[in-house]
Amino acid sequence: MNYRTDLTLELTEAAGTMPGIHSDCRTVEGVKVTRTVIDNRAAAARIGKPQGEYYTLEMLPFSDSAFEPENCFEAASDILKEMLPRHGGVLAVGLGNEGITPDALGPKAAARILATRHISGELAEKCGLAPLRETAVIAPGVLGQTGIEAAETVKCLCSALRPAAVIVIDAMAARSLSRLGNTLQISDSGISPGAGVGNNRPQIDSAMLGTKVISMGVPTVVEMRTAVADLNGEEVAACVSGSMIVTPREIDLLTDRAARFIAAAVNAALQPHLHPSEIEKLF
């Protein structure tokens, strides 16, 4: 049975060892970081993921009362710093529908990322914010709200702004219930909005935009039959419709904290001279 997931780590675990896929693990600030590299087309086709570099960060659940994003966002921030070009403007894009809680991660994170493109060097100095890396932020909504594909909006913006990189943030689907709300994936292979729930929209990647694309996402949903298989086995799961999805009851808290975590990581990577607590005061 084919179970839907956006997490490359889950796909490689299911596929087992194969040529063209290389993984290594380390622990940073209490966060388990798995780096997976897919370096040939055959391996990419076999697991259904584009060639590229994928980082999977596993930590305490975002909805856990003991979780504090400020304690471990540096692990994600350091990865972003390595993946981002050293110079040039950045466009941050929060994908999803803020009116649907499991899909609100992107817009909520975008709302907390510091936009600086409109702040001139002189103004930044007077405000005590210099030097600032030029950053533009947008939450383009979804096709049903705007009549415009998110990929079309981002492509037009890239043509006008010519950023050195685009950071795309979106909610994801997991295969395992144990990875809901405690896993962050960062990748340079782009992203297909809606793929986790079977609503595939045009891919947003470097081939389409002509610039580096870094995607970030946290799984907020699991397909119903995947959850049943996780709990009761594949035989029972085969009787369950694949059109239903499940999400944790604490999804509001999970989404809010995951958005804060991602925004803190992005802000720290783009504006390293400012502490995230200083940026938090601006929102």
Protein backbone atom coordinates (compact mmCIF):
# COMPACT_ATOMS: atom_id res chain seq x y z
CA MET A 1 0.00 0.00 0.00
CA ASN A 2 1.30 3.45 -0.91
CA TYR A 3 1.23 5.83 2.06
CA ARG A 4 1.49 9.56 1.46
CA THR A 5 4.28 11.54 3.12
CA ASP A 6 6.28 14.69 2.42
CA LEU A 7 9.17 13.60 4.62
CA THR A 8 12.15 12.31 2.68
CA LEU A 9 13.41 10.58 5.83
CA GLU A 10 10.30 8.40 5.95
CA LEU A 11 10.61 7.53 2.26
CA THR A 12 14.26 6.52 2.59
CA GLU A 13 13.52 4.49 5.73
CA ALA A 14 10.85 2.56 3.82
CA ALA A 15 13.08 2.07 0.76
CA GLY A 16 16.12 0.89 2.70
CA THR A 17 19.74 1.27 1.61
CA MET A 18 20.23 2.02 -2.08
CA PRO A 19 22.83 3.57 -4.37
CA GLY A 20 22.43 7.31 -4.84
CA ILE A 21 21.09 8.04 -1.34
CA HIS A 22 23.44 8.97 1.50
CA SER A 23 22.50 9.85 5.08
CA ASP A 24 24.27 10.90 8.26
CA CYS A 25 23.03 11.98 11.71
CA ARG A 26 24.22 14.34 14.40
CA THR A 27 22.80 16.08 17.46
CA VAL A 28 22.79 19.88 17.69
CA GLU A 29 21.44 21.77 20.73
CA GLY A 30 19.46 18.67 21.71
CA VAL A 31 17.97 18.35 18.22
CA LYS A 32 18.55 15.21 16.14
CA VAL A 33 19.57 16.30 12.64
CA THR A 34 19.56 13.81 9.76
CA ARG A 35 21.11 14.93 6.47
CA THR A 36 20.01 13.00 3.38
CA VAL A 37 21.48 13.56 -0.08
CA ILE A 38 19.82 12.16 -3.21
CA ASP A 39 22.43 12.43 -5.93
CA ASN A 40 21.10 10.51 -8.93
CA ARG A 41 17.91 10.31 -10.96
CA ALA A 42 17.31 6.60 -10.44
CA ALA A 43 17.24 6.95 -6.66
CA ALA A 44 15.08 10.08 -6.90
CA ALA A 45 12.58 8.30 -9.14
CA ARG A 46 12.45 5.25 -6.87
CA ILE A 47 11.46 7.17 -3.74
CA GLY A 48 9.52 9.91 -5.53
CA LYS A 49 11.59 12.89 -4.40
CA PRO A 50 13.74 15.28 -6.50
CA GLN A 51 17.51 15.15 -6.29
CA GLY A 52 18.87 17.42 -3.61
CA GLU A 53 19.87 17.86 -0.01
CA TYR A 54 17.35 17.26 2.78
CA TYR A 55 17.68 17.96 6.49
CA THR A 56 15.26 16.44 9.00
CA LEU A 57 15.24 17.92 12.51
CA GLU A 58 13.53 15.91 15.27
CA MET A 59 12.80 17.53 18.63
CA LEU A 60 10.22 17.78 21.39
CA PRO A 61 6.65 18.21 20.09
CA PHE A 62 5.89 21.84 19.32
CA SER A 63 2.68 21.44 21.34
CA ASP A 64 4.54 20.17 24.42
CA SER A 65 4.23 22.53 27.39
CA ALA A 66 7.98 22.17 27.98
CA PHE A 67 8.90 23.21 24.45
CA GLU A 68 10.41 26.65 23.94
CA PRO A 69 11.41 27.56 20.35
CA GLU A 70 14.12 29.92 21.61
CA ASN A 71 16.03 26.95 23.04
CA CYS A 72 16.76 25.11 19.81
CA PHE A 73 15.97 27.23 16.74
CA GLU A 74 19.74 27.69 16.24
CA ALA A 75 19.99 24.18 14.78
CA ALA A 76 17.64 25.15 11.95
CA SER A 77 19.17 28.61 11.61
CA ASP A 78 22.68 27.20 11.15
CA ILE A 79 21.47 24.91 8.37
CA LEU A 80 19.77 27.85 6.62
CA LYS A 81 22.94 29.93 6.86
CA GLU A 82 24.88 27.15 5.14
CA MET A 83 22.30 26.78 2.37
CA LEU A 84 21.69 30.48 1.68
CA PRO A 85 23.90 32.48 -0.70
CA ARG A 86 26.20 34.78 1.28
CA HIS A 87 24.91 37.93 -0.40
CA GLY A 88 21.76 39.19 -2.11
CA GLY A 89 18.12 39.71 -1.24
CA VAL A 90 15.79 36.95 -0.09
CA LEU A 91 12.08 36.38 -0.69
CA ALA A 92 10.26 34.47 2.09
CA VAL A 93 6.98 32.83 1.04
CA GLY A 94 4.38 31.43 3.44
CA LEU A 95 2.20 28.95 1.57
CA GLY A 96 -1.19 27.75 2.74
CA ASN A 97 -4.62 28.88 3.90
CA GLU A 98 -4.63 30.70 7.24
CA GLY A 99 -8.34 29.94 7.60
CA ILE A 100 -7.64 26.19 7.87
CA THR A 101 -5.57 25.57 10.99
CA PRO A 102 -3.48 22.56 9.81
CA ASP A 103 -2.66 24.54 6.65
CA ALA A 104 -1.88 27.84 8.37
CA LEU A 105 1.79 27.22 9.14
CA GLY A 106 3.14 29.13 6.13
CA PRO A 107 1.10 32.34 6.54
CA LYS A 108 1.66 32.37 10.32
CA ALA A 109 5.42 32.00 9.93
CA ALA A 110 5.52 34.67 7.21
CA ALA A 111 3.74 37.11 9.54
CA ARG A 112 6.68 36.87 11.98
CA ILE A 113 9.56 37.16 9.48
CA LEU A 114 11.16 40.60 9.42
CA ALA A 115 10.63 42.33 6.06
CA THR A 116 13.40 44.83 5.39
CA ARG A 117 13.36 45.57 1.66
CA HIS A 118 11.56 48.88 2.27
CA ILE A 119 14.02 50.04 4.95
CA SER A 120 16.82 52.12 3.46
CA GLY A 121 20.35 51.99 4.80
CA GLU A 122 20.05 55.44 6.37
CA LEU A 123 16.73 54.64 8.04
CA ALA A 124 18.08 51.32 9.31
CA GLU A 125 21.03 53.11 10.92
CA LYS A 126 18.77 55.67 12.61
CA CYS A 127 16.57 52.84 13.97
CA GLY A 128 19.60 50.90 15.19
CA LEU A 129 18.88 48.03 12.79
CA ALA A 130 21.81 48.29 10.39
CA PRO A 131 23.12 46.28 8.67
CA LEU A 132 19.98 44.57 7.35
CA ARG A 133 19.82 41.89 4.68
CA GLU A 134 17.18 42.80 2.11
CA THR A 135 14.16 40.58 2.76
CA ALA A 136 10.70 40.58 1.21
CA VAL A 137 7.86 38.49 2.66
CA ILE A 138 4.56 37.33 1.20
CA ALA A 139 1.74 34.90 1.99
CA PRO A 140 0.13 34.50 -1.46
CA GLY A 141 -2.93 32.53 -0.30
CA VAL A 142 -4.32 29.56 -2.19
CA LEU A 143 -5.90 29.15 -5.60
CA GLY A 144 -9.42 28.95 -4.16
CA GLN A 145 -8.98 32.34 -2.48
CA THR A 146 -7.19 34.29 -5.20
CA GLY A 147 -7.72 32.47 -8.50
CA ILE A 148 -3.92 32.56 -8.86
CA GLU A 149 -1.54 29.66 -8.37
CA ALA A 150 1.00 30.37 -5.63
CA ALA A 151 3.74 29.34 -8.06
CA GLU A 152 2.58 32.01 -10.54
CA THR A 153 2.68 34.71 -7.87
CA VAL A 154 6.14 33.71 -6.68
CA LYS A 155 7.49 33.55 -10.23
CA CYS A 156 6.23 37.06 -11.00
CA LEU A 157 7.77 38.39 -7.78
CA CYS A 158 11.09 36.76 -8.59
CA SER A 159 11.08 38.42 -12.01
CA ALA A 160 10.57 41.82 -10.37
CA LEU A 161 12.72 41.45 -7.23
CA ARG A 162 15.45 39.11 -8.53
CA PRO A 163 16.24 37.61 -5.11
CA ALA A 164 19.37 35.56 -4.53
CA ALA A 165 17.19 32.93 -2.84
CA VAL A 166 13.58 32.08 -2.05
CA ILE A 167 12.58 30.46 1.25
CA VAL A 168 9.25 28.64 0.95
CA ILE A 169 7.37 27.55 4.10
CA ASP A 170 4.45 25.11 4.06
CA ALA A 171 2.64 22.54 6.19
CA MET A 172 3.37 18.91 5.34
CA ALA A 173 1.97 15.42 5.75
CA ALA A 174 3.75 12.60 7.59
CA ARG A 175 3.48 8.84 7.31
CA SER A 176 4.05 8.19 11.02
CA LEU A 177 1.90 9.60 13.81
CA SER A 178 5.04 9.90 15.93
CA ARG A 179 6.45 12.58 13.60
CA LEU A 180 3.44 14.89 13.70
CA GLY A 181 4.35 18.28 15.07
CA ASN A 182 7.90 17.48 16.16
CA THR A 183 9.75 17.30 12.85
CA LEU A 184 11.09 20.03 10.57
CA GLN A 185 12.30 19.35 7.03
CA ILE A 186 14.60 21.76 5.20
CA SER A 187 15.51 21.11 1.58
CA ASP A 188 17.02 22.73 -1.51
CA SER A 189 14.92 20.70 -3.95
CA GLY A 190 11.83 22.91 -3.98
CA ILE A 191 8.29 22.11 -2.91
CA SER A 192 4.97 21.02 -4.40
CA PRO A 193 2.17 22.85 -2.53
CA GLY A 194 -0.68 20.57 -1.45
CA ALA A 195 1.15 17.35 -2.30
CA GLY A 196 0.78 15.99 1.23
CA VAL A 197 -3.02 15.88 0.96
CA GLY A 198 -3.17 14.86 -2.69
CA ASN A 199 -3.90 18.36 -4.02
CA ASN A 200 -0.74 18.77 -6.07
CA ARG A 201 -0.14 22.28 -7.35
CA PRO A 202 2.70 23.44 -9.63
CA GLN A 203 6.16 22.75 -8.23
CA ILE A 204 8.09 25.72 -6.86
CA ASP A 205 11.79 25.07 -7.44
CA SER A 206 14.98 26.59 -8.82
CA ALA A 207 14.22 25.40 -12.36
CA MET A 208 10.96 27.38 -12.34
CA LEU A 209 12.18 30.50 -10.55
CA GLY A 210 15.76 30.74 -11.81
CA THR A 211 17.14 31.18 -8.32
CA LYS A 212 17.96 29.06 -5.27
CA VAL A 213 14.89 27.68 -3.49
CA ILE A 214 14.94 26.45 0.12
CA SER A 215 11.80 24.79 1.46
CA MET A 216 10.85 24.41 5.12
CA GLY A 217 7.92 22.45 6.51
CA VAL A 218 6.45 20.73 9.55
CA PRO A 219 4.01 17.80 9.24
CA THR A 220 0.62 18.76 10.67
CA VAL A 221 -1.52 15.97 9.19
CA VAL A 222 -1.51 12.22 8.53
CA GLU A 223 -3.67 10.44 6.00
CA MET A 224 -6.40 8.49 7.82
CA ARG A 225 -5.48 5.07 6.41
CA THR A 226 -1.84 5.77 7.24
CA ALA A 227 -2.80 6.45 10.85
CA VAL A 228 -4.87 3.25 10.94
CA ALA A 229 -1.98 1.24 9.51
CA ASP A 230 0.32 2.76 12.13
CA LEU A 231 -2.03 1.62 14.89
CA ASN A 232 -3.71 -1.56 13.56
CA GLY A 233 -1.72 -2.82 10.57
CA GLU A 234 -2.08 -2.66 6.79
CA GLU A 235 -4.88 -5.23 6.54
CA VAL A 236 -7.26 -3.00 8.50
CA ALA A 237 -5.97 0.16 6.78
CA ALA A 238 -6.83 -1.23 3.34
CA CYS A 239 -10.53 -0.76 4.17
CA VAL A 240 -10.13 2.95 5.00
CA SER A 241 -10.68 5.75 2.48
CA GLY A 242 -7.56 7.57 1.36
CA SER A 243 -9.44 10.88 1.10
CA MET A 244 -9.58 11.53 4.85
CA ILE A 245 -6.84 13.14 6.93
CA VAL A 246 -6.33 13.48 10.68
CA THR A 247 -4.63 16.17 12.74
CA PRO A 248 -3.79 16.49 16.47
CA ARG A 249 -6.41 18.05 18.73
CA GLU A 250 -3.80 20.60 19.87
CA ILE A 251 -3.22 21.71 16.27
CA ASP A 252 -3.73 25.41 17.11
CA LEU A 253 -0.87 25.39 19.61
CA LEU A 254 1.26 23.18 17.38
CA THR A 255 0.88 25.48 14.36
CA ASP A 256 1.50 28.66 16.35
CA ARG A 257 4.68 27.34 17.98
CA ALA A 258 6.01 25.74 14.81
CA ALA A 259 5.48 29.06 13.00
CA ARG A 260 7.37 30.89 15.77
CA PHE A 261 10.19 28.34 15.54
CA ILE A 262 10.53 28.67 11.77
CA ALA A 263 10.33 32.46 11.85
CA ALA A 264 13.00 32.62 14.56
CA ALA A 265 15.28 30.38 12.47
CA VAL A 266 14.74 32.43 9.30
CA ASN A 267 15.21 35.77 11.08
CA ALA A 268 18.41 34.55 12.77
CA ALA A 269 19.80 33.31 9.45
CA LEU A 270 18.97 36.52 7.57
CA GLN A 271 19.66 39.07 10.31
CA PRO A 272 22.37 37.43 12.48
CA HIS A 273 23.25 40.69 14.26
CA LEU A 274 19.73 40.89 15.73
CA HIS A 275 18.59 38.49 18.45
CA PRO A 276 15.20 36.87 17.74
CA SER A 277 13.88 38.35 21.01
CA GLU A 278 14.58 41.82 19.58
CA ILE A 279 12.73 40.96 16.37
CA GLU A 280 9.81 39.50 18.38
CA LYS A 281 9.23 42.95 19.89
CA LEU A 282 8.54 44.34 16.42
CA PHE A 283 5.44 42.14 15.94
